[in-house]
Amino acid sequence: MTPFSENMVSVPLWIPIVILFGSLCDGGKILVVPLEGSHWVNMDIIIKALHSKGHSVDVLRTSNSWFIKENSTYYGSITIPNTKGMDEEFVEDMLSKEINYKRGKSNWLGLVRLYLDTLNYVYKMHEMICQLITNMFESEEIMKTLKEKQYDLVLTDPVWGAGIFLAHKFKLPMVYNVRWTTPGEGHFEISPSPLSYIPITRSGNTDKMNFFQRVQNIFYYLIMYFQYGYFNLAQYQALCDKYFHPPVRFYELLQSADIWLMRIDFIFEFPRPTMPNIIYVGGFQCKPAKALPHDLEVFMQSSGEHGVIIMSLGAFISVLPDEITAEIAAAFAQLPQKVIWRYTGKRPSTLGNNTLLVDWMPQNDLLGHPKTKVFIAHGGTNGVQEALYHGIPVVGIPLFFDQYDNLVRLQDRGGAKIISLATLDQNALHASLQELINDPSYRLNMQRLSHLHRDAPVKPLDTALFWIEFVMRHKGAAHLRSESYKLPWYSYHSVDVAVTLFAVVLIFTLSVFLTVKYLCVKCCSRKRKTE
């Protein structure tokens, strides 16, 4: 071993320690602009992880926020005064109309009314967010505060456009926690999306479509872009025209995020084209099950060899109409299994002794318990991915938005069975539960998917954190971002090139034809003169 030179400068021990710990604690400043409900549930997980790594996080919220608390130990909040967002009353009203349509006698007129009602609710939701943006941009105090914070990054869910506006205003790198955007499913805004094998949300199709399903798929695509292009995007574009100079297209801002953290993976999603700045982090909210509270563990063990069924309809829905809950409770009462049901409404008269009603449940821990046999869910992305992670078969009761499509993906892989609200009664639910419990193929298929999902070199949450920090370190990720979003549609699809080439070929063909015709006429006229 080479000895130190006497001339070598000695370095005090505290210097490398300060350098080491200083670099570890040198966190960034992040502005988070989230959604409510289940979207907030998974965003909250990322925020906690960022806080644990030394980053400072501020969360933007409306004054009547349903899920996002004003006071927190791991983030600061910025409440925009005099603003209203999507609340419990808003969701319950929307759900009520959806249930009334599906439980009633469906006809084309009812379908049109449901579509118009849904269109109106979505329009109102974005109208609230546009008012939030207006209140921010019109307040010198708020804009000054946000500017003085000197954030390094905006992390947002692009279903709502507020985060996109702030990132452009302050020229900040932007990362999406995304499955859906303002126009629709996230891939459609950034990746090539052939409609021949990529199903549109609410079409109910898989990636294996016959001719009529492809026609249906295109029909849903046209409806989707009519709905969002002419109603929702138009609201945001009006604000772009008002607040941004030089003018900018909102759709271009939407597509310009540096990194898209996509809340799915290809164990769940159908294979499709993708882009280098789409990072798949599906299931990042999932984790190994922890020990249950004592009372729940006692209940689980009391089920014996029959096991337990758990039911939850997600963050938004904890109450259903009495007639539906009576049918569900009656189905449970016929089962030898025990049931844990997250439900906060009126106790059904048909409820059996085997069913435990709870206001809240540790869903991930219950799904990972060895006694759990089946998960009854509405089909939200978080719930189906937790079921997939733990290998638990699903009976799906979709209510609205993307829930049916999520369940279709599990059903196509042999891990779920779907019951529509229109046909939901005690017999249908009981038969479906018996099928999933008695047919081992459902559990085997879900366990196979679980093994595939877990067989990854890096955990999804660690992947998400790496790319967020990557964008902060490098002030963006422009090298991964395609410039295709800046092209007009006719350039993107090379329509202008095709028209030009067609014109060149047409002109060349006409030139040859006219030249030959001229020469023929000339030759014929000379021949006549000679004769």
Protein backbone atom coordinates (compact mmCIF):
# COMPACT_ATOMS: atom_id res chain seq x y z
CA MET A 1 0.00 0.00 0.00
CA THR A 2 1.49 3.36 -1.01
CA PRO A 3 2.06 5.67 1.99
CA PHE A 4 0.79 9.25 1.96
CA SER A 5 3.35 11.86 0.89
CA GLU A 6 4.47 14.27 3.54
CA ASN A 7 3.62 17.11 1.14
CA MET A 8 0.05 15.91 0.65
CA VAL A 9 -2.54 18.32 2.09
CA SER A 10 -4.56 16.73 4.88
CA VAL A 11 -8.34 17.03 4.50
CA PRO A 12 -10.40 17.51 7.65
CA LEU A 13 -12.81 14.62 8.24
CA TRP A 14 -15.87 16.87 8.40
CA ILE A 15 -15.50 18.09 4.79
CA PRO A 16 -16.34 14.78 3.00
CA ILE A 17 -19.13 14.19 5.52
CA VAL A 18 -20.69 17.58 4.75
CA ILE A 19 -20.27 17.00 1.01
CA LEU A 20 -21.84 13.57 1.23
CA PHE A 21 -24.83 14.49 3.36
CA GLY A 22 -25.23 17.86 1.72
CA SER A 23 -25.59 16.26 -1.70
CA LEU A 24 -28.08 13.73 -0.34
CA CYS A 25 -30.24 16.43 1.21
CA ASP A 26 -30.07 18.85 -1.71
CA GLY A 27 -33.71 18.47 -2.69
CA GLY A 28 -35.67 20.24 -5.38
CA LYS A 29 -38.77 22.40 -5.18
CA ILE A 30 -41.79 20.79 -6.81
CA LEU A 31 -45.22 22.25 -7.52
CA VAL A 32 -47.90 19.53 -7.67
CA VAL A 33 -51.24 20.20 -9.36
CA PRO A 34 -53.38 17.09 -8.73
CA LEU A 35 -56.95 15.84 -9.20
CA GLU A 36 -59.41 14.68 -6.57
CA GLY A 37 -60.50 11.14 -5.71
CA SER A 38 -58.48 8.09 -6.71
CA HIS A 39 -56.19 10.32 -8.79
CA TRP A 40 -55.16 12.07 -5.58
CA VAL A 41 -54.70 8.74 -3.77
CA ASN A 42 -51.88 7.69 -6.11
CA MET A 43 -50.43 11.21 -6.45
CA ASP A 44 -50.24 11.34 -2.65
CA ILE A 45 -48.00 8.25 -2.69
CA ILE A 46 -45.53 9.95 -5.04
CA ILE A 47 -45.57 13.12 -2.91
CA LYS A 48 -44.72 11.13 0.24
CA ALA A 49 -41.87 9.40 -1.58
CA LEU A 50 -40.52 12.73 -2.88
CA HIS A 51 -40.69 14.22 0.61
CA SER A 52 -38.80 11.23 2.05
CA LYS A 53 -35.97 11.94 -0.44
CA GLY A 54 -35.58 15.51 0.76
CA HIS A 55 -37.64 17.38 -1.84
CA SER A 56 -39.90 20.29 -0.94
CA VAL A 57 -43.42 19.83 -2.32
CA ASP A 58 -46.26 22.35 -2.59
CA VAL A 59 -49.75 21.15 -3.60
CA LEU A 60 -52.26 23.39 -5.34
CA ARG A 61 -55.86 22.89 -4.17
CA THR A 62 -59.30 24.44 -4.50
CA SER A 63 -60.98 26.07 -1.53
CA ASN A 64 -63.52 23.22 -1.24
CA SER A 65 -61.12 20.37 -1.93
CA TRP A 66 -62.68 17.00 -1.13
CA PHE A 67 -59.57 14.87 -0.66
CA ILE A 68 -56.56 17.22 -0.49
CA LYS A 69 -56.06 18.48 3.05
CA GLU A 70 -54.82 21.99 3.66
CA ASN A 71 -52.44 20.96 6.44
CA SER A 72 -49.93 18.16 5.98
CA THR A 73 -46.60 17.07 7.45
CA TYR A 74 -45.08 16.17 4.07
CA TYR A 75 -46.29 18.91 1.73
CA GLY A 76 -47.22 22.57 1.82
CA SER A 77 -50.57 23.62 0.37
CA ILE A 78 -51.51 26.56 -1.80
CA THR A 79 -55.27 27.11 -1.61
CA ILE A 80 -56.80 29.23 -4.35
CA PRO A 81 -59.56 31.26 -2.68
CA ASN A 82 -63.10 31.48 -4.04
CA THR A 83 -62.67 28.39 -6.18
CA LYS A 84 -64.85 25.32 -6.42
CA GLY A 85 -63.76 21.89 -7.61
CA MET A 86 -65.35 18.50 -8.04
CA ASP A 87 -66.93 17.54 -4.71
CA GLU A 88 -69.02 14.71 -3.26
CA GLU A 89 -72.34 16.25 -4.31
CA PHE A 90 -71.11 16.65 -7.89
CA VAL A 91 -70.06 12.98 -8.14
CA GLU A 92 -73.20 11.64 -6.45
CA ASP A 93 -75.44 13.54 -8.87
CA MET A 94 -73.49 12.21 -11.86
CA LEU A 95 -73.56 8.65 -10.52
CA SER A 96 -77.29 8.83 -9.81
CA LYS A 97 -78.08 9.65 -13.43
CA GLU A 98 -75.79 6.84 -14.66
CA ILE A 99 -77.48 4.29 -12.38
CA ASN A 100 -81.00 5.43 -13.25
CA TYR A 101 -80.28 4.98 -16.93
CA LYS A 102 -78.67 1.54 -16.58
CA ARG A 103 -81.31 0.22 -14.17
CA GLY A 104 -84.20 1.59 -16.24
CA LYS A 105 -85.50 0.47 -19.60
CA SER A 106 -82.70 1.44 -21.93
CA ASN A 107 -83.55 2.82 -25.34
CA TRP A 108 -81.85 5.08 -27.85
CA LEU A 109 -83.47 8.20 -26.38
CA GLY A 110 -82.23 7.33 -22.89
CA LEU A 111 -78.76 6.71 -24.28
CA VAL A 112 -78.73 10.14 -25.93
CA ARG A 113 -79.85 11.76 -22.68
CA LEU A 114 -77.14 9.94 -20.74
CA TYR A 115 -74.50 11.03 -23.24
CA LEU A 116 -75.65 14.65 -23.07
CA ASP A 117 -75.70 14.53 -19.27
CA THR A 118 -72.19 13.10 -19.18
CA LEU A 119 -71.03 15.73 -21.66
CA ASN A 120 -72.53 18.41 -19.44
CA TYR A 121 -70.87 17.07 -16.27
CA VAL A 122 -67.45 16.85 -17.91
CA TYR A 123 -67.90 20.35 -19.35
CA LYS A 124 -68.78 21.71 -15.89
CA MET A 125 -65.76 19.98 -14.36
CA HIS A 126 -63.39 21.70 -16.80
CA GLU A 127 -65.32 24.95 -16.40
CA MET A 128 -64.46 24.85 -12.68
CA ILE A 129 -60.79 24.34 -13.48
CA CYS A 130 -60.82 27.18 -16.00
CA GLN A 131 -62.24 29.40 -13.27
CA LEU A 132 -59.40 28.23 -11.00
CA ILE A 133 -56.86 29.20 -13.69
CA THR A 134 -58.56 32.58 -14.14
CA ASN A 135 -58.52 33.26 -10.39
CA MET A 136 -54.79 32.45 -10.25
CA PHE A 137 -53.78 34.49 -13.27
CA GLU A 138 -55.89 37.47 -12.21
CA SER A 139 -54.35 37.50 -8.73
CA GLU A 140 -51.05 39.37 -8.65
CA GLU A 141 -50.43 38.08 -5.12
CA ILE A 142 -50.78 34.38 -6.08
CA MET A 143 -48.68 34.70 -9.22
CA LYS A 144 -46.00 36.62 -7.32
CA THR A 145 -45.93 33.93 -4.61
CA LEU A 146 -45.63 31.12 -7.16
CA LYS A 147 -42.87 32.96 -9.01
CA GLU A 148 -40.89 33.68 -5.83
CA LYS A 149 -40.97 29.99 -4.89
CA GLN A 150 -38.63 29.30 -7.84
CA TYR A 151 -39.84 25.77 -8.45
CA ASP A 152 -37.71 23.27 -10.32
CA LEU A 153 -40.59 21.23 -11.71
CA VAL A 154 -44.35 20.97 -12.14
CA LEU A 155 -45.82 17.51 -11.46
CA THR A 156 -49.43 17.34 -12.59
CA ASP A 157 -52.27 15.10 -13.70
CA PRO A 158 -53.23 16.32 -17.20
CA VAL A 159 -56.94 15.53 -16.92
CA TRP A 160 -57.14 19.08 -15.61
CA GLY A 161 -55.24 21.86 -17.36
CA ALA A 162 -54.18 24.08 -14.43
CA GLY A 163 -50.72 22.52 -14.05
CA ILE A 164 -50.08 22.81 -17.78
CA PHE A 165 -50.83 26.55 -17.66
CA LEU A 166 -48.50 27.14 -14.70
CA ALA A 167 -45.65 25.16 -16.26
CA HIS A 168 -45.86 27.25 -19.44
CA LYS A 169 -46.26 30.52 -17.55
CA PHE A 170 -43.13 30.01 -15.41
CA LYS A 171 -41.17 28.09 -18.10
CA LEU A 172 -40.78 25.02 -15.89
CA PRO A 173 -40.13 21.40 -16.87
CA MET A 174 -43.29 19.32 -16.58
CA VAL A 175 -43.88 15.68 -15.60
CA TYR A 176 -47.25 13.97 -15.88
CA ASN A 177 -48.70 11.40 -13.49
CA VAL A 178 -51.04 10.22 -16.21
CA ARG A 179 -53.54 7.73 -17.48
CA TRP A 180 -56.06 10.21 -18.87
CA THR A 181 -55.72 13.70 -20.32
CA THR A 182 -58.22 16.45 -21.03
CA PRO A 183 -59.13 14.91 -24.44
CA GLY A 184 -58.99 11.22 -23.45
CA GLU A 185 -56.62 8.27 -22.91
CA GLY A 186 -53.04 9.56 -22.63
CA HIS A 187 -51.44 7.48 -25.39
CA PHE A 188 -53.69 9.03 -28.03
CA GLU A 189 -52.18 12.46 -27.42
CA ILE A 190 -48.56 11.43 -27.91
CA SER A 191 -48.18 7.98 -29.49
CA PRO A 192 -49.20 6.52 -32.86
CA SER A 193 -52.57 4.87 -32.18
CA PRO A 194 -53.90 2.65 -35.01
CA LEU A 195 -57.62 2.19 -34.46
CA SER A 196 -57.53 -1.27 -36.04
CA TYR A 197 -56.18 -2.83 -32.83
CA ILE A 198 -56.20 -0.11 -30.15
CA PRO A 199 -59.64 0.12 -28.50
CA ILE A 200 -61.20 3.47 -27.66
CA THR A 201 -62.32 4.04 -24.08
CA ARG A 202 -65.97 3.03 -23.50
CA SER A 203 -66.07 0.99 -26.72
CA GLY A 204 -65.73 -2.22 -24.71
CA ASN A 205 -63.41 -3.65 -27.37
CA THR A 206 -60.16 -5.55 -26.91
CA ASP A 207 -57.15 -5.48 -29.24
CA LYS A 208 -58.78 -8.30 -31.26
CA MET A 209 -61.57 -6.65 -33.26
CA ASN A 210 -63.68 -7.91 -36.15
CA PHE A 211 -64.85 -5.61 -38.94
CA PHE A 212 -67.95 -4.33 -37.12
CA GLN A 213 -65.98 -3.71 -33.92
CA ARG A 214 -63.44 -1.69 -35.90
CA VAL A 215 -66.29 0.38 -37.32
CA GLN A 216 -67.59 0.87 -33.77
CA ASN A 217 -64.09 1.80 -32.61
CA ILE A 218 -63.78 4.55 -35.21
CA PHE A 219 -67.26 5.79 -34.31
CA TYR A 220 -66.26 6.11 -30.63
CA TYR A 221 -63.03 7.84 -31.68
CA LEU A 222 -64.95 10.47 -33.65
CA ILE A 223 -67.38 11.03 -30.78
CA MET A 224 -64.50 11.36 -28.29
CA TYR A 225 -62.66 13.99 -30.29
CA PHE A 226 -65.81 15.88 -31.14
CA GLN A 227 -66.75 15.94 -27.46
CA TYR A 228 -63.39 17.00 -26.07
CA GLY A 229 -62.17 19.08 -28.99
CA TYR A 230 -65.21 21.31 -29.35
CA PHE A 231 -66.28 21.54 -25.71
CA ASN A 232 -63.42 21.00 -23.25
CA LEU A 233 -60.28 21.99 -25.13
CA ALA A 234 -62.07 25.09 -26.41
CA GLN A 235 -62.40 26.39 -22.82
CA TYR A 236 -58.66 26.08 -22.22
CA GLN A 237 -57.82 27.55 -25.61
CA ALA A 238 -59.82 30.67 -24.76
CA LEU A 239 -57.62 31.14 -21.68
CA CYS A 240 -54.46 30.56 -23.73
CA ASP A 241 -55.58 33.32 -26.08
CA LYS A 242 -56.23 35.60 -23.11
CA TYR A 243 -53.11 35.05 -21.01
CA PHE A 244 -50.29 33.92 -23.32
CA HIS A 245 -48.46 36.14 -25.79
CA PRO A 246 -47.26 35.14 -28.30
CA PRO A 247 -50.32 32.93 -28.92
CA VAL A 248 -50.00 29.21 -28.24
CA ARG A 249 -52.24 26.21 -28.84
CA PHE A 250 -53.37 24.49 -25.64
CA TYR A 251 -53.20 21.11 -27.37
CA GLU A 252 -49.52 21.78 -28.08
CA LEU A 253 -48.93 22.64 -24.43
CA LEU A 254 -50.72 19.44 -23.41
CA GLN A 255 -48.43 17.33 -25.58
CA SER A 256 -45.22 19.06 -24.50
CA ALA A 257 -44.59 17.38 -21.12
CA ASP A 258 -41.03 16.17 -20.67
CA ILE A 259 -41.95 12.83 -19.08
CA TRP A 260 -45.25 10.94 -19.04
CA LEU A 261 -45.39 8.62 -16.01
CA MET A 262 -48.05 6.25 -17.33
CA ARG A 263 -50.04 4.52 -14.57
CA ILE A 264 -50.25 1.20 -16.41
CA ASP A 265 -47.91 -1.47 -17.73
CA PHE A 266 -48.16 -4.03 -20.51
CA ILE A 267 -49.19 -6.78 -18.12
CA PHE A 268 -52.44 -4.84 -17.87
CA GLU A 269 -52.59 -2.80 -21.09
CA PHE A 270 -52.89 -4.23 -24.60
CA PRO A 271 -49.60 -4.01 -26.58
CA ARG A 272 -49.35 -0.80 -28.63
CA PRO A 273 -46.83 1.73 -30.02
CA THR A 274 -45.23 4.01 -27.45
CA MET A 275 -42.70 6.87 -27.20
CA PRO A 276 -39.32 7.28 -25.41
CA ASN A 277 -40.64 9.81 -22.88
CA ILE A 278 -43.51 7.54 -21.76
CA ILE A 279 -42.34 5.73 -18.62
CA TYR A 280 -44.57 2.88 -17.45
CA VAL A 281 -45.10 2.86 -13.67
CA GLY A 282 -48.28 0.78 -13.42
CA GLY A 283 -48.89 -0.53 -9.93
CA PHE A 284 -46.51 1.90 -8.21
CA GLN A 285 -49.07 2.24 -5.41
CA CYS A 286 -49.01 -1.52 -4.74
CA LYS A 287 -46.87 -3.04 -2.00
CA PRO A 288 -46.64 -6.22 0.05
CA ALA A 289 -49.45 -6.65 2.56
CA LYS A 290 -48.92 -5.56 6.15
CA ALA A 291 -50.45 -7.13 9.23
CA LEU A 292 -54.15 -6.34 9.64
CA PRO A 293 -55.67 -4.66 12.70
CA HIS A 294 -56.53 -7.27 15.34
CA ASP A 295 -60.31 -7.19 14.81
CA LEU A 296 -60.00 -7.64 11.04
CA GLU A 297 -57.45 -10.46 11.46
CA VAL A 298 -59.82 -12.27 13.83
CA PHE A 299 -62.64 -11.89 11.29
CA MET A 300 -60.44 -13.19 8.45
CA GLN A 301 -59.37 -16.25 10.46
CA SER A 302 -62.95 -16.99 11.45
CA SER A 303 -63.76 -17.73 7.78
CA GLY A 304 -62.03 -21.11 8.01
CA GLU A 305 -61.38 -22.96 4.76
CA HIS A 306 -63.99 -20.95 2.85
CA GLY A 307 -62.08 -17.68 2.98
CA VAL A 308 -63.19 -14.07 2.58
CA ILE A 309 -64.63 -11.90 -0.19
CA ILE A 310 -63.93 -8.16 -0.05
CA MET A 311 -65.93 -5.46 -1.77
CA SER A 312 -65.14 -1.80 -2.38
CA LEU A 313 -66.34 0.57 -5.07
CA GLY A 314 -63.45 3.01 -4.74
CA ALA A 315 -62.74 6.43 -3.34
CA PHE A 316 -65.75 8.17 -4.89
CA ILE A 317 -68.54 5.67 -4.23
CA SER A 318 -69.50 4.36 -0.83
CA VAL A 319 -73.32 4.51 -1.14
CA LEU A 320 -75.66 2.90 -3.71
CA PRO A 321 -79.47 2.91 -4.10
CA ASP A 322 -81.29 0.74 -1.54
CA GLU A 323 -82.65 -1.69 -4.14
CA ILE A 324 -79.11 -2.49 -5.37
CA THR A 325 -77.60 -2.87 -1.90
CA ALA A 326 -80.46 -5.21 -0.92
CA GLU A 327 -79.67 -7.47 -3.88
CA ILE A 328 -75.92 -7.43 -3.10
CA ALA A 329 -76.50 -8.20 0.60
CA ALA A 330 -78.88 -11.05 -0.25
CA ALA A 331 -76.26 -12.60 -2.55
CA PHE A 332 -73.64 -12.40 0.21
CA ALA A 333 -76.00 -14.01 2.73
CA GLN A 334 -76.14 -17.18 0.58
CA LEU A 335 -72.37 -17.67 0.63
CA PRO A 336 -70.31 -19.88 2.96
CA GLN A 337 -67.53 -17.27 2.74
CA LYS A 338 -67.23 -14.27 5.03
CA VAL A 339 -67.54 -10.82 3.40
CA ILE A 340 -65.96 -7.45 4.20
CA TRP A 341 -67.88 -4.66 2.45
CA ARG A 342 -66.83 -1.02 2.47
CA TYR A 343 -70.20 0.68 2.67
CA THR A 344 -71.36 3.78 4.56
CA GLY A 345 -75.03 3.86 3.63
CA LYS A 346 -78.16 2.50 5.28
CA ARG A 347 -77.76 -1.07 6.55
CA PRO A 348 -79.55 -3.42 4.07
CA SER A 349 -82.40 -5.45 5.57
CA THR A 350 -81.14 -8.55 3.69
CA LEU A 351 -77.67 -8.43 5.25
CA GLY A 352 -76.44 -11.81 6.53
CA ASN A 353 -74.41 -12.61 9.65
CA ASN A 354 -71.39 -13.42 7.44
CA THR A 355 -71.03 -9.82 6.18
CA LEU A 356 -69.06 -7.08 7.92
CA LEU A 357 -69.81 -3.47 6.89
CA VAL A 358 -66.91 -1.02 7.33
CA ASP A 359 -66.46 2.71 6.67
CA TRP A 360 -62.87 2.15 5.57
CA MET A 361 -60.68 -0.84 4.83
CA PRO A 362 -56.94 -1.41 4.33
CA GLN A 363 -57.63 -2.64 0.81
CA ASN A 364 -54.05 -3.48 -0.19
CA ASP A 365 -53.45 -5.46 3.01
CA LEU A 366 -56.74 -7.35 2.64
CA LEU A 367 -55.98 -8.22 -0.98
CA GLY A 368 -52.62 -9.61 0.10
CA HIS A 369 -54.11 -11.76 2.86
CA PRO A 370 -54.04 -15.54 2.20
CA LYS A 371 -57.72 -15.87 3.18
CA THR A 372 -58.95 -13.48 0.46
CA LYS A 373 -60.65 -15.32 -2.42
CA VAL A 374 -62.34 -12.66 -4.59
CA PHE A 375 -62.37 -8.87 -4.91
CA ILE A 376 -65.63 -7.16 -5.94
CA ALA A 377 -64.67 -3.82 -7.47
CA HIS A 378 -65.95 -1.04 -9.70
CA GLY A 379 -62.95 -1.24 -12.03
CA GLY A 380 -60.91 1.82 -11.10
CA THR A 381 -57.27 1.66 -12.18
CA ASN A 382 -55.90 1.58 -8.61
CA GLY A 383 -58.15 -1.27 -7.49
CA VAL A 384 -57.66 -3.55 -10.49
CA GLN A 385 -53.88 -3.08 -10.32
CA GLU A 386 -53.82 -3.95 -6.63
CA ALA A 387 -55.85 -7.09 -7.40
CA LEU A 388 -53.42 -7.94 -10.20
CA TYR A 389 -50.42 -7.34 -7.93
CA HIS A 390 -51.77 -9.75 -5.30
CA GLY A 391 -53.21 -12.26 -7.82
CA ILE A 392 -56.86 -11.98 -6.69
CA PRO A 393 -59.71 -12.64 -9.20
CA VAL A 394 -62.18 -9.79 -9.68
CA VAL A 395 -65.94 -9.55 -10.04
CA GLY A 396 -66.37 -6.18 -11.71
CA ILE A 397 -69.38 -3.86 -11.39
CA PRO A 398 -68.42 -0.90 -13.60
CA LEU A 399 -70.17 2.39 -12.95
CA PHE A 400 -68.77 5.07 -15.29
CA PHE A 401 -65.83 6.47 -17.29
CA ASP A 402 -63.00 3.96 -17.94
CA GLN A 403 -64.05 1.34 -15.41
CA TYR A 404 -65.64 -1.07 -17.89
CA ASP A 405 -62.58 -0.90 -20.15
CA ASN A 406 -60.24 -1.63 -17.23
CA LEU A 407 -62.28 -4.70 -16.34
CA VAL A 408 -62.39 -5.82 -19.97
CA ARG A 409 -58.59 -6.01 -19.90
CA LEU A 410 -58.64 -8.32 -16.89
CA GLN A 411 -61.54 -10.36 -18.27
CA ASP A 412 -59.71 -10.81 -21.59
CA ARG A 413 -56.80 -12.29 -19.65
CA GLY A 414 -59.05 -14.69 -17.74
CA GLY A 415 -58.87 -12.98 -14.35
CA ALA A 416 -62.24 -11.25 -14.02
CA LYS A 417 -65.95 -11.46 -14.70
CA ILE A 418 -68.09 -8.38 -15.39
CA ILE A 419 -71.66 -7.77 -14.18
CA SER A 420 -73.42 -4.71 -15.56
CA LEU A 421 -75.63 -2.58 -13.35
CA ALA A 422 -78.53 -3.42 -15.66
CA THR A 423 -78.34 -7.15 -14.82
CA LEU A 424 -77.06 -6.93 -11.24
CA ASP A 425 -79.22 -8.91 -8.82
CA GLN A 426 -78.58 -11.48 -6.11
CA ASN A 427 -78.70 -14.42 -8.54
CA ALA A 428 -76.23 -12.90 -11.03
CA LEU A 429 -73.81 -11.84 -8.30
CA HIS A 430 -74.04 -15.16 -6.45
CA ALA A 431 -73.45 -17.14 -9.67
CA SER A 432 -70.44 -15.01 -10.62
CA LEU A 433 -68.86 -15.38 -7.19
CA GLN A 434 -69.39 -19.14 -7.23
CA GLU A 435 -67.78 -19.33 -10.67
CA LEU A 436 -64.66 -17.41 -9.64
CA ILE A 437 -64.27 -19.33 -6.38
CA ASN A 438 -64.87 -22.82 -7.79
CA ASP A 439 -63.04 -22.44 -11.12
CA PRO A 440 -59.29 -22.40 -10.31
CA SER A 441 -58.38 -20.93 -13.71
CA TYR A 442 -59.35 -17.40 -12.57
CA ARG A 443 -56.95 -17.43 -9.63
CA LEU A 444 -54.21 -19.13 -11.65
CA ASN A 445 -54.52 -16.51 -14.41
CA MET A 446 -54.33 -13.65 -11.91
CA GLN A 447 -51.36 -15.23 -10.15
CA ARG A 448 -49.59 -15.58 -13.50
CA LEU A 449 -50.21 -11.88 -14.20
CA SER A 450 -48.98 -11.06 -10.70
CA HIS A 451 -45.72 -12.94 -11.28
CA LEU A 452 -45.20 -11.16 -14.59
CA HIS A 453 -45.86 -7.77 -13.01
CA ARG A 454 -43.47 -8.33 -10.11
CA ASP A 455 -40.68 -9.74 -12.29
CA ALA A 456 -39.03 -6.37 -12.95
CA PRO A 457 -35.50 -5.07 -12.20
CA VAL A 458 -36.75 -1.84 -10.57
CA LYS A 459 -39.89 -1.14 -8.57
CA PRO A 460 -42.39 1.15 -10.39
CA LEU A 461 -42.29 3.81 -7.65
CA ASP A 462 -38.49 3.94 -7.78
CA THR A 463 -38.72 4.32 -11.55
CA ALA A 464 -41.15 7.24 -11.16
CA LEU A 465 -38.89 8.97 -8.64
CA PHE A 466 -35.80 8.51 -10.81
CA TRP A 467 -37.42 10.20 -13.81
CA ILE A 468 -38.84 13.07 -11.76
CA GLU A 469 -35.37 13.73 -10.36
CA PHE A 470 -33.84 13.21 -13.82
CA VAL A 471 -35.98 16.05 -15.20
CA MET A 472 -34.98 18.31 -12.31
CA ARG A 473 -31.27 17.52 -12.72
CA HIS A 474 -31.28 18.20 -16.45
CA LYS A 475 -33.89 21.00 -16.54
CA GLY A 476 -36.14 18.90 -18.76
CA ALA A 477 -35.88 15.90 -21.09
CA ALA A 478 -36.10 17.49 -24.53
CA HIS A 479 -33.95 14.73 -26.07
CA LEU A 480 -36.73 12.21 -25.36
CA ARG A 481 -39.57 14.39 -26.59
CA SER A 482 -40.77 14.02 -30.15
CA GLU A 483 -41.37 17.23 -32.09
CA SER A 484 -44.29 15.60 -33.88
CA TYR A 485 -46.78 17.38 -31.63
CA LYS A 486 -45.81 20.70 -33.26
CA LEU A 487 -46.80 19.46 -36.70
CA PRO A 488 -50.24 20.21 -38.14
CA TRP A 489 -52.33 17.10 -38.81
CA TYR A 490 -51.73 17.15 -42.56
CA SER A 491 -47.96 17.19 -42.04
CA TYR A 492 -48.07 14.53 -39.31
CA HIS A 493 -49.92 12.15 -41.64
CA SER A 494 -47.89 13.32 -44.70
CA VAL A 495 -51.05 14.37 -46.48
CA ASP A 496 -49.20 17.37 -47.97
CA VAL A 497 -46.45 15.09 -49.24
CA ALA A 498 -48.96 12.65 -50.75
CA VAL A 499 -50.87 15.49 -52.45
CA THR A 500 -47.62 16.97 -53.81
CA LEU A 501 -46.41 13.61 -55.16
CA PHE A 502 -49.80 12.94 -56.67
CA ALA A 503 -49.73 16.37 -58.31
CA VAL A 504 -46.20 15.75 -59.68
CA VAL A 505 -47.19 12.36 -61.09
CA LEU A 506 -50.39 13.82 -62.52
CA ILE A 507 -48.53 16.73 -64.16
CA PHE A 508 -45.86 14.39 -65.52
CA THR A 509 -48.48 12.00 -66.91
CA LEU A 510 -50.45 14.84 -68.47
CA SER A 511 -47.24 16.29 -69.93
CA VAL A 512 -46.31 12.96 -71.52
CA PHE A 513 -49.85 12.50 -72.79
CA LEU A 514 -50.03 16.00 -74.28
CA THR A 515 -46.53 15.67 -75.81
CA VAL A 516 -47.41 12.37 -77.45
CA LYS A 517 -50.70 13.78 -78.63
CA TYR A 518 -48.93 16.84 -80.08
CA LEU A 519 -46.37 14.68 -81.89
CA CYS A 520 -49.08 12.41 -83.28
CA VAL A 521 -51.03 15.37 -84.59
CA LYS A 522 -47.86 16.85 -86.08
CA CYS A 523 -46.94 13.59 -87.81
CA CYS A 524 -50.45 13.15 -89.17
CA SER A 525 -50.55 16.69 -90.59
CA ARG A 526 -47.19 16.18 -92.37
CA LYS A 527 -48.38 12.91 -93.80
CA ARG A 528 -51.48 14.58 -95.22
CA LYS A 529 -49.36 17.36 -96.82
CA THR A 530 -47.06 14.78 -98.41
CA GLU A 531 -50.00 12.90 -99.92
